Amino acid sequence: MTTPPVSFFAASDKVPWVERRPGVFWKTLWENADGRHKAVLIRYTPGSVIARHRHIGDEQIWVLEGEVADDTGVCTAGNYARRPPGCVHTVTSRDGALVFAVISGPTEPA
C-alpha cells in the first residue's frame, strides 16, 4: 500500500531572502527535486530591473503589493500575469513590489 502525499506548509518567516539580482530578492517557499518547479516570493526594491531574458518554462505571477512592468504592460497589486515558455521581456519595478510566482523552468539571457 502506498502512502498518499500530504500537504506542505512553508514557514516563510524562517526562509531567508536571497538577492538574485541587484535589488531583486527571492524567498523560495517550495522547490521540486528537479529544481525547475518552484513557488517563490519575489521582492523588488524601487527602481529594480531584471535584464532582458527568455523563459524556457512557464511563470505565473500574482502581484501582492506594488507593481511590476514589462514589454507588454504593468501588472498592479491584486492582478495576475503569465509568462509562457518563449516569452522574452525585461522586468522593472518603479516603486517596488512583492510578487508570488509559480515557476516551471529556468530563464536564459536574451
C-alpha atoms as a PDB file:
ATOM      1  CA  MET A   1       0.000   0.000   0.000  1.00  0.00           C
ATOM      2  CA  THR A   2       1.324   3.436  -0.955  1.00  0.00           C
ATOM      3  CA  THR A   3       1.197   6.357   1.440  1.00  0.00           C
ATOM      4  CA  PRO A   4      -0.540   9.329  -0.210  1.00  0.00           C
ATOM      5  CA  PRO A   5       1.277  12.660  -0.374  1.00  0.00           C
ATOM      6  CA  VAL A   6       0.479  15.191   2.311  1.00  0.00           C
ATOM      7  CA  SER A   7       0.114  18.965   2.345  1.00  0.00           C
ATOM      8  CA  PHE A   8       3.248  21.068   2.573  1.00  0.00           C
ATOM      9  CA  PHE A   9       3.283  24.262   4.616  1.00  0.00           C
ATOM     10  CA  ALA A  10       6.173  26.703   4.206  1.00  0.00           C
ATOM     11  CA  ALA A  11       7.308  28.543   7.322  1.00  0.00           C
ATOM     12  CA  SER A  12       8.026  31.625   5.220  1.00  0.00           C
ATOM     13  CA  ASP A  13       9.236  33.644   8.202  1.00  0.00           C
ATOM     14  CA  LYS A  14      12.110  31.158   8.549  1.00  0.00           C
ATOM     15  CA  VAL A  15      13.107  31.232   4.850  1.00  0.00           C
ATOM     16  CA  PRO A  16      15.789  33.848   4.102  1.00  0.00           C
ATOM     17  CA  TRP A  17      15.563  36.474   1.379  1.00  0.00           C
ATOM     18  CA  VAL A  18      18.312  35.889  -1.208  1.00  0.00           C
ATOM     19  CA  GLU A  19      19.387  38.663  -3.576  1.00  0.00           C
ATOM     20  CA  ARG A  20      19.190  37.032  -7.017  1.00  0.00           C
ATOM     21  CA  ARG A  21      19.863  40.215  -8.982  1.00  0.00           C
ATOM     22  CA  PRO A  22      20.628  43.746  -7.757  1.00  0.00           C
ATOM     23  CA  GLY A  23      17.522  44.897  -5.887  1.00  0.00           C
ATOM     24  CA  VAL A  24      15.568  41.668  -6.571  1.00  0.00           C
ATOM     25  CA  PHE A  25      15.242  39.244  -3.656  1.00  0.00           C
ATOM     26  CA  TRP A  26      13.757  35.721  -3.685  1.00  0.00           C
ATOM     27  CA  LYS A  27      12.308  33.705  -0.847  1.00  0.00           C
ATOM     28  CA  THR A  28      11.901  30.145  -2.155  1.00  0.00           C
ATOM     29  CA  LEU A  29       8.856  28.638  -0.447  1.00  0.00           C
ATOM     30  CA  TRP A  30       8.918  25.288  -2.256  1.00  0.00           C
ATOM     31  CA  GLU A  31      11.127  23.651  -4.876  1.00  0.00           C
ATOM     32  CA  ASN A  32      10.651  20.280  -6.550  1.00  0.00           C
ATOM     33  CA  ALA A  33      13.561  17.844  -6.596  1.00  0.00           C
ATOM     34  CA  ASP A  34      14.072  18.630 -10.312  1.00  0.00           C
ATOM     35  CA  GLY A  35      14.962  22.239  -9.418  1.00  0.00           C
ATOM     36  CA  ARG A  36      12.739  23.530 -12.227  1.00  0.00           C
ATOM     37  CA  HIS A  37       9.397  23.770 -10.450  1.00  0.00           C
ATOM     38  CA  LYS A  38       9.134  26.197  -7.555  1.00  0.00           C
ATOM     39  CA  ALA A  39       6.990  28.684  -5.683  1.00  0.00           C
ATOM     40  CA  VAL A  40       8.706  31.906  -4.637  1.00  0.00           C
ATOM     41  CA  LEU A  41       8.062  35.303  -3.167  1.00  0.00           C
ATOM     42  CA  ILE A  42       9.923  37.997  -5.080  1.00  0.00           C
ATOM     43  CA  ARG A  43      10.654  41.380  -3.510  1.00  0.00           C
ATOM     44  CA  TYR A  44      11.562  44.170  -5.938  1.00  0.00           C
ATOM     45  CA  THR A  45      13.173  47.285  -4.475  1.00  0.00           C
ATOM     46  CA  PRO A  46      12.220  50.621  -6.058  1.00  0.00           C
ATOM     47  CA  GLY A  47      13.874  51.054  -9.452  1.00  0.00           C
ATOM     48  CA  SER A  48      14.957  47.421  -9.770  1.00  0.00           C
ATOM     49  CA  VAL A  49      15.374  45.816 -13.175  1.00  0.00           C
ATOM     50  CA  ILE A  50      15.623  42.216 -14.348  1.00  0.00           C
ATOM     51  CA  ALA A  51      17.560  42.330 -17.625  1.00  0.00           C
ATOM     52  CA  ARG A  52      16.042  41.053 -20.854  1.00  0.00           C
ATOM     53  CA  HIS A  53      15.590  37.280 -20.722  1.00  0.00           C
ATOM     54  CA  ARG A  54      13.677  34.386 -22.297  1.00  0.00           C
ATOM     55  CA  HIS A  55      11.501  31.991 -20.341  1.00  0.00           C
ATOM     56  CA  ILE A  56      12.271  28.331 -21.005  1.00  0.00           C
ATOM     57  CA  GLY A  57       9.441  27.240 -18.724  1.00  0.00           C
ATOM     58  CA  ASP A  58       6.198  28.825 -17.624  1.00  0.00           C
ATOM     59  CA  GLU A  59       6.000  31.578 -14.993  1.00  0.00           C
ATOM     60  CA  GLN A  60       2.803  32.763 -13.355  1.00  0.00           C
ATOM     61  CA  ILE A  61       2.786  35.749 -11.023  1.00  0.00           C
ATOM     62  CA  TRP A  62       0.347  37.340  -8.610  1.00  0.00           C
ATOM     63  CA  VAL A  63       1.303  40.865  -7.544  1.00  0.00           C
ATOM     64  CA  LEU A  64       0.645  41.234  -3.813  1.00  0.00           C
ATOM     65  CA  GLU A  65       1.992  44.776  -3.337  1.00  0.00           C
ATOM     66  CA  GLY A  66       3.174  47.495  -5.701  1.00  0.00           C
ATOM     67  CA  GLU A  67       3.578  46.854  -9.412  1.00  0.00           C
ATOM     68  CA  VAL A  68       5.893  45.274 -11.954  1.00  0.00           C
ATOM     69  CA  ALA A  69       6.130  46.177 -15.624  1.00  0.00           C
ATOM     70  CA  ASP A  70       7.457  44.501 -18.744  1.00  0.00           C
ATOM     71  CA  ASP A  71       7.304  44.966 -22.514  1.00  0.00           C
ATOM     72  CA  THR A  72       3.559  44.191 -22.507  1.00  0.00           C
ATOM     73  CA  GLY A  73       2.419  46.497 -19.716  1.00  0.00           C
ATOM     74  CA  VAL A  74       2.065  46.961 -15.972  1.00  0.00           C
ATOM     75  CA  CYS A  75       0.759  44.366 -13.512  1.00  0.00           C
ATOM     76  CA  THR A  76      -0.542  46.050 -10.350  1.00  0.00           C
ATOM     77  CA  ALA A  77      -1.370  44.725  -6.880  1.00  0.00           C
ATOM     78  CA  GLY A  78      -4.148  42.145  -6.939  1.00  0.00           C
ATOM     79  CA  ASN A  79      -3.528  41.172 -10.553  1.00  0.00           C
ATOM     80  CA  TYR A  80      -2.093  38.141 -12.344  1.00  0.00           C
ATOM     81  CA  ALA A  81       0.269  37.717 -15.294  1.00  0.00           C
ATOM     82  CA  ARG A  82       1.628  34.691 -17.125  1.00  0.00           C
ATOM     83  CA  ARG A  83       4.933  34.447 -18.961  1.00  0.00           C
ATOM     84  CA  PRO A  84       4.660  31.390 -21.237  1.00  0.00           C
ATOM     85  CA  PRO A  85       7.662  29.433 -22.494  1.00  0.00           C
ATOM     86  CA  GLY A  86       9.452  31.524 -25.134  1.00  0.00           C
ATOM     87  CA  CYS A  87       8.329  34.866 -23.655  1.00  0.00           C
ATOM     88  CA  VAL A  88      11.103  37.479 -23.935  1.00  0.00           C
ATOM     89  CA  HIS A  89      10.944  40.592 -21.762  1.00  0.00           C
ATOM     90  CA  THR A  90      12.630  42.961 -19.327  1.00  0.00           C
ATOM     91  CA  VAL A  91      11.011  43.391 -15.905  1.00  0.00           C
ATOM     92  CA  THR A  92      11.070  46.654 -13.934  1.00  0.00           C
ATOM     93  CA  SER A  93       9.512  47.926 -10.738  1.00  0.00           C
ATOM     94  CA  ARG A  94       9.457  51.694 -10.422  1.00  0.00           C
ATOM     95  CA  ASP A  95       8.274  51.876  -6.791  1.00  0.00           C
ATOM     96  CA  GLY A  96       8.971  48.299  -5.640  1.00  0.00           C
ATOM     97  CA  ALA A  97       6.729  45.247  -5.382  1.00  0.00           C
ATOM     98  CA  LEU A  98       6.038  41.957  -3.663  1.00  0.00           C
ATOM     99  CA  VAL A  99       5.111  39.137  -6.053  1.00  0.00           C
ATOM    100  CA  PHE A 100       4.175  35.483  -5.594  1.00  0.00           C
ATOM    101  CA  ALA A 101       5.425  33.373  -8.532  1.00  0.00           C
ATOM    102  CA  VAL A 102       4.940  29.764  -9.610  1.00  0.00           C
ATOM    103  CA  ILE A 103       7.744  28.755 -11.966  1.00  0.00           C
ATOM    104  CA  SER A 104       8.148  25.635 -14.110  1.00  0.00           C
ATOM    105  CA  GLY A 105      11.518  26.216 -15.732  1.00  0.00           C
ATOM    106  CA  PRO A 106      14.570  28.439 -15.998  1.00  0.00           C
ATOM    107  CA  THR A 107      15.278  31.569 -17.987  1.00  0.00           C
ATOM    108  CA  GLU A 108      18.191  32.477 -20.241  1.00  0.00           C
ATOM    109  CA  PRO A 109      19.630  35.839 -21.330  1.00  0.00           C
ATOM    110  CA  ALA A 110      18.046  37.213 -24.493  1.00  0.00           C
END
